[in-house]
Amino acid sequence: MREPNWKKYLFAFLITAVIFGTALYFNNYFNNKRIQEIQTIQDSISTDILSSETQFSLLSDLSCKDVNNSMLSDELNNLAGKIEYSEQNIGSDNAQIIQLKKFYSLLEIKDYLLMKKVSEQCGKKFVSILYFYSDSTNCPDCQKTADVLTYLRQKYPQIRVYSFDYNLDLSAIKTMISLFKVGNELPAVVVGDDVLNGFTEKNSMEKTLLTLYPKEMATSTATSTTKIIK
C-alpha cells in the first residue's frame, strides 16, 4: 500500500493557513479603518453639536433687532449633511450614528422652540415646516416629499424645514408627534395647524404655504440650499 504524501498535505495546509490568515488580517484592518472613520465623524459632529448648543444659549439673549431667519441654519445644515453621509457610508443602523441622529433631532427641536419664542416676543413670524419620514423601504414617498421640500426651501429661503425620523426612539420626537397629532401615514408634513399625510404635490404644498403665510412668503425669492435628511 502506498504511503500518504505528508509533505503534500502539509504544503496544502500551510497554503490554506496563509490564505485564512491573510483574509483575517485584511478583515481586521478594514474593520479598524471603519471604526476609525466612525470615530472621526463622531468627533467632528460632536464638536458641531457643542458649538450649536453654545450658540442656542447665546441667541436666547439676543435683542429682537438682531434676530434673522438665518440663525443656526448653516450649522444645522452642515450637521445634517454629515449625518446623512455617515448613514450612507457606515450604516443607518450603527449605534453611534443613531445616537448622533438623536442629538441632531434635539437641536432641531431647540431651534424650532427658539424661533417660536422669537416670534412671540418680537412679533416676527417664521415659516416653519415639520417633516416626519421613515426609511425608503417603509415609506416609498418620503424621498419624493424630501425633494419637494428641498425645492421649496431653495425657492423660499425664509422657510425653515425640520426633518424627523418618525421611528427614532426619542421621547422628544414622540412628544412632537403627539402634540401635532401626526398619524402613522408617512410622509407627514406639518404646516401651521395643518397635517398633510402622504405625498403632497409640489404645487399643492406651495399653494398651502402661500395661503397660510402670504406676507412671509413674499419677503424674498433668492435661492438657498438646505440639507434635508431623508
Protein backbone atom coordinates (compact mmCIF):
# COMPACT_ATOMS: atom_id res chain seq x y z
CA MET A 1 0.00 0.00 0.00
CA ARG A 2 1.32 3.44 -0.99
CA GLU A 3 2.33 5.71 1.89
CA PRO A 4 0.41 9.05 2.06
CA ASN A 5 2.38 12.06 0.83
CA TRP A 6 2.59 14.01 4.10
CA LYS A 7 4.64 16.77 2.51
CA LYS A 8 1.86 17.40 0.03
CA TYR A 9 -0.77 17.60 2.79
CA LEU A 10 1.47 19.80 4.91
CA PHE A 11 2.05 22.15 1.97
CA ALA A 12 -1.68 22.35 1.30
CA PHE A 13 -2.32 23.05 4.98
CA LEU A 14 0.27 25.83 5.03
CA ILE A 15 -1.24 27.46 1.92
CA THR A 16 -4.72 27.29 3.48
CA ALA A 17 -3.41 28.74 6.73
CA VAL A 18 -1.70 31.61 4.88
CA ILE A 19 -4.86 32.39 2.88
CA PHE A 20 -7.01 32.28 6.03
CA GLY A 21 -4.53 34.41 7.98
CA THR A 22 -4.33 36.97 5.17
CA ALA A 23 -8.12 37.19 4.92
CA LEU A 24 -8.39 37.59 8.71
CA TYR A 25 -5.73 40.30 8.69
CA PHE A 26 -7.43 42.34 5.97
CA ASN A 27 -10.83 41.85 7.61
CA ASN A 28 -9.48 43.20 10.90
CA TYR A 29 -7.68 46.00 9.04
CA PHE A 30 -10.81 47.20 7.26
CA ASN A 31 -12.90 46.83 10.43
CA ASN A 32 -10.40 49.01 12.29
CA LYS A 33 -10.45 51.56 9.45
CA ARG A 34 -14.26 51.59 9.61
CA ILE A 35 -14.18 52.13 13.38
CA GLN A 36 -11.66 54.95 12.95
CA GLU A 37 -13.88 56.55 10.30
CA ILE A 38 -16.87 56.37 12.61
CA GLN A 39 -14.84 57.90 15.44
CA THR A 40 -13.56 60.72 13.23
CA ILE A 41 -17.06 61.57 12.02
CA GLN A 42 -18.43 61.28 15.53
CA ASP A 43 -15.77 63.66 16.91
CA SER A 44 -16.46 66.15 14.13
CA ILE A 45 -20.23 66.07 14.62
CA SER A 46 -19.88 66.18 18.41
CA THR A 47 -17.89 69.39 18.06
CA ASP A 48 -20.60 70.83 15.81
CA ILE A 49 -23.26 69.83 18.33
CA LEU A 50 -21.38 71.51 21.19
CA SER A 51 -20.93 74.62 19.04
CA SER A 52 -24.63 74.70 18.12
CA GLU A 53 -25.75 74.21 21.73
CA THR A 54 -23.50 77.08 22.79
CA GLN A 55 -24.99 79.25 20.06
CA PHE A 56 -28.50 78.42 21.26
CA SER A 57 -27.58 79.76 24.70
CA LEU A 58 -26.13 82.93 23.19
CA LEU A 59 -29.00 83.51 20.78
CA SER A 60 -31.56 83.23 23.57
CA ASP A 61 -30.29 86.57 24.90
CA LEU A 62 -30.38 88.39 21.55
CA SER A 63 -32.47 91.51 21.18
CA CYS A 64 -35.22 91.48 18.56
CA LYS A 65 -33.26 93.76 16.21
CA ASP A 66 -30.51 91.13 15.96
CA VAL A 67 -32.86 88.30 15.03
CA ASN A 68 -32.99 86.98 11.47
CA ASN A 69 -34.16 83.82 9.74
CA SER A 70 -30.65 82.51 9.03
CA MET A 71 -29.71 81.92 12.67
CA LEU A 72 -28.19 78.46 13.05
CA SER A 73 -29.43 77.36 9.59
CA ASP A 74 -25.93 76.80 8.22
CA GLU A 75 -24.81 74.92 11.30
CA LEU A 76 -27.83 72.63 11.26
CA ASN A 77 -27.49 72.08 7.52
CA ASN A 78 -23.82 71.12 7.82
CA LEU A 79 -24.67 68.75 10.64
CA ALA A 80 -27.47 67.14 8.61
CA GLY A 81 -25.11 66.64 5.69
CA LYS A 82 -22.54 64.86 7.85
CA ILE A 83 -25.14 62.58 9.40
CA GLU A 84 -26.61 61.70 6.01
CA TYR A 85 -23.11 60.91 4.72
CA SER A 86 -22.49 58.74 7.78
CA GLU A 87 -25.74 56.83 7.26
CA GLN A 88 -24.92 56.16 3.60
CA ASN A 89 -21.29 55.13 4.13
CA ILE A 90 -21.33 53.49 7.56
CA GLY A 91 -24.91 52.34 8.00
CA SER A 92 -28.09 53.84 9.43
CA ASP A 93 -28.32 51.00 11.98
CA ASN A 94 -24.95 51.83 13.56
CA ALA A 95 -25.45 52.65 17.26
CA GLN A 96 -23.18 55.69 17.16
CA ILE A 97 -24.89 57.11 14.09
CA ILE A 98 -28.30 56.64 15.71
CA GLN A 99 -27.07 58.50 18.80
CA LEU A 100 -25.78 61.37 16.67
CA LYS A 101 -29.10 61.48 14.84
CA LYS A 102 -30.86 61.84 18.19
CA PHE A 103 -28.61 64.77 19.11
CA TYR A 104 -29.38 66.41 15.77
CA SER A 105 -33.13 65.93 16.25
CA LEU A 106 -32.93 67.59 19.68
CA LEU A 107 -31.06 70.54 18.16
CA GLU A 108 -33.80 70.90 15.54
CA ILE A 109 -36.47 70.95 18.23
CA LYS A 110 -34.48 73.53 20.22
CA ASP A 111 -34.17 75.69 17.10
CA TYR A 112 -37.91 75.37 16.44
CA LEU A 113 -38.72 76.42 20.02
CA LEU A 114 -36.23 79.29 19.83
CA MET A 115 -37.86 80.60 16.66
CA LYS A 116 -41.28 80.23 18.26
CA LYS A 117 -40.07 82.24 21.26
CA VAL A 118 -38.62 84.92 18.96
CA SER A 119 -41.90 85.04 17.05
CA GLU A 120 -43.88 85.63 20.26
CA GLN A 121 -41.52 88.20 21.78
CA CYS A 122 -40.51 90.09 18.66
CA GLY A 123 -43.62 89.78 16.53
CA LYS A 124 -41.65 88.16 13.71
CA LYS A 125 -43.47 85.27 12.10
CA PHE A 126 -41.36 82.44 10.68
CA VAL A 127 -42.42 79.86 8.11
CA SER A 128 -41.71 76.52 9.76
CA ILE A 129 -42.35 73.06 8.32
CA LEU A 130 -42.12 69.88 10.35
CA TYR A 131 -41.36 66.86 8.19
CA PHE A 132 -41.76 63.33 9.56
CA TYR A 133 -40.31 60.50 7.49
CA SER A 134 -39.21 56.87 7.62
CA ASP A 135 -36.69 54.84 5.63
CA SER A 136 -37.42 54.31 1.94
CA THR A 137 -38.41 50.65 2.47
CA ASN A 138 -41.33 51.59 4.71
CA CYS A 139 -42.01 54.94 3.06
CA PRO A 140 -41.54 54.99 -0.73
CA ASP A 141 -43.00 58.53 -0.97
CA CYS A 142 -40.64 60.03 1.63
CA GLN A 143 -37.90 60.64 -0.93
CA LYS A 144 -40.34 62.46 -3.23
CA THR A 145 -41.55 64.62 -0.34
CA ALA A 146 -37.98 65.45 0.64
CA ASP A 147 -37.35 66.57 -2.96
CA VAL A 148 -40.45 68.80 -2.86
CA LEU A 149 -39.32 70.39 0.42
CA THR A 150 -35.81 70.92 -0.95
CA TYR A 151 -37.29 72.67 -3.99
CA LEU A 152 -39.48 74.92 -1.81
CA ARG A 153 -36.60 75.71 0.54
CA GLN A 154 -34.42 76.71 -2.41
CA LYS A 155 -37.15 78.93 -3.85
CA TYR A 156 -38.14 80.43 -0.49
CA PRO A 157 -35.07 80.64 1.80
CA GLN A 158 -37.24 82.05 4.58
CA ILE A 159 -38.75 78.58 5.07
CA ARG A 160 -37.30 76.55 7.93
CA VAL A 161 -37.66 72.78 7.45
CA TYR A 162 -37.22 70.46 10.44
CA SER A 163 -36.99 66.78 9.49
CA PHE A 164 -37.56 63.96 11.99
CA ASP A 165 -37.25 60.20 11.70
CA TYR A 166 -40.72 59.05 12.79
CA ASN A 167 -39.36 55.74 14.14
CA LEU A 168 -36.36 57.14 16.00
CA ASP A 169 -36.58 56.06 19.64
CA LEU A 170 -36.54 59.53 21.14
CA SER A 171 -39.16 60.74 23.62
CA ALA A 172 -38.96 64.34 22.35
CA ILE A 173 -39.94 63.23 18.83
CA LYS A 174 -42.76 61.11 20.20
CA THR A 175 -43.99 64.18 22.10
CA MET A 176 -43.90 66.24 18.89
CA ILE A 177 -45.88 63.53 17.09
CA SER A 178 -48.46 63.57 19.87
CA LEU A 179 -48.70 67.37 20.14
CA PHE A 180 -49.21 67.90 16.42
CA LYS A 181 -51.43 64.82 16.08
CA VAL A 182 -49.27 63.29 13.35
CA GLY A 183 -50.72 59.98 12.18
CA ASN A 184 -48.71 56.94 11.14
CA GLU A 185 -49.32 57.54 7.42
CA LEU A 186 -45.96 58.75 6.17
CA PRO A 187 -44.61 61.03 4.95
CA ALA A 188 -46.28 63.64 7.14
CA VAL A 189 -45.76 67.38 6.83
CA VAL A 190 -46.97 69.86 9.46
CA VAL A 191 -47.61 73.36 8.11
CA GLY A 192 -49.16 75.72 10.62
CA ASP A 193 -52.02 73.78 12.21
CA ASP A 194 -52.43 71.50 9.18
CA VAL A 195 -51.04 67.97 8.95
CA LEU A 196 -50.53 66.72 5.40
CA ASN A 197 -50.31 62.91 5.45
CA GLY A 198 -48.98 61.07 2.43
CA PHE A 199 -47.32 62.61 -0.60
CA THR A 200 -48.35 66.17 -1.49
CA GLU A 201 -47.57 67.55 -4.93
CA LYS A 202 -45.16 70.48 -5.15
CA ASN A 203 -47.74 72.99 -6.45
CA SER A 204 -50.30 71.98 -3.83
CA MET A 205 -47.85 72.37 -0.94
CA GLU A 206 -46.61 75.69 -2.29
CA LYS A 207 -50.21 76.94 -2.54
CA THR A 208 -50.83 75.92 1.08
CA LEU A 209 -47.76 77.86 2.24
CA LEU A 210 -48.72 80.95 0.25
CA THR A 211 -52.22 80.83 1.73
CA LEU A 212 -51.04 80.44 5.33
CA TYR A 213 -48.05 82.81 5.14
CA PRO A 214 -48.74 85.33 2.32
CA LYS A 215 -46.63 88.11 3.83
CA GLU A 216 -43.71 85.94 4.96
CA MET A 217 -43.52 84.00 1.68
CA ALA A 218 -43.37 87.25 -0.30
CA THR A 219 -40.35 88.67 1.53
CA SER A 220 -37.70 87.04 -0.68
CA THR A 221 -37.29 84.85 -3.73
CA ALA A 222 -33.49 84.43 -3.57
CA THR A 223 -32.15 80.89 -3.81
CA SER A 224 -30.56 78.97 -0.97
CA THR A 225 -29.73 75.39 -0.17
CA THR A 226 -30.87 73.32 2.76
CA LYS A 227 -29.95 69.77 3.61
CA ILE A 228 -32.96 67.66 4.48
CA ILE A 229 -32.29 64.25 5.97
CA LYS A 230 -34.36 61.67 4.11
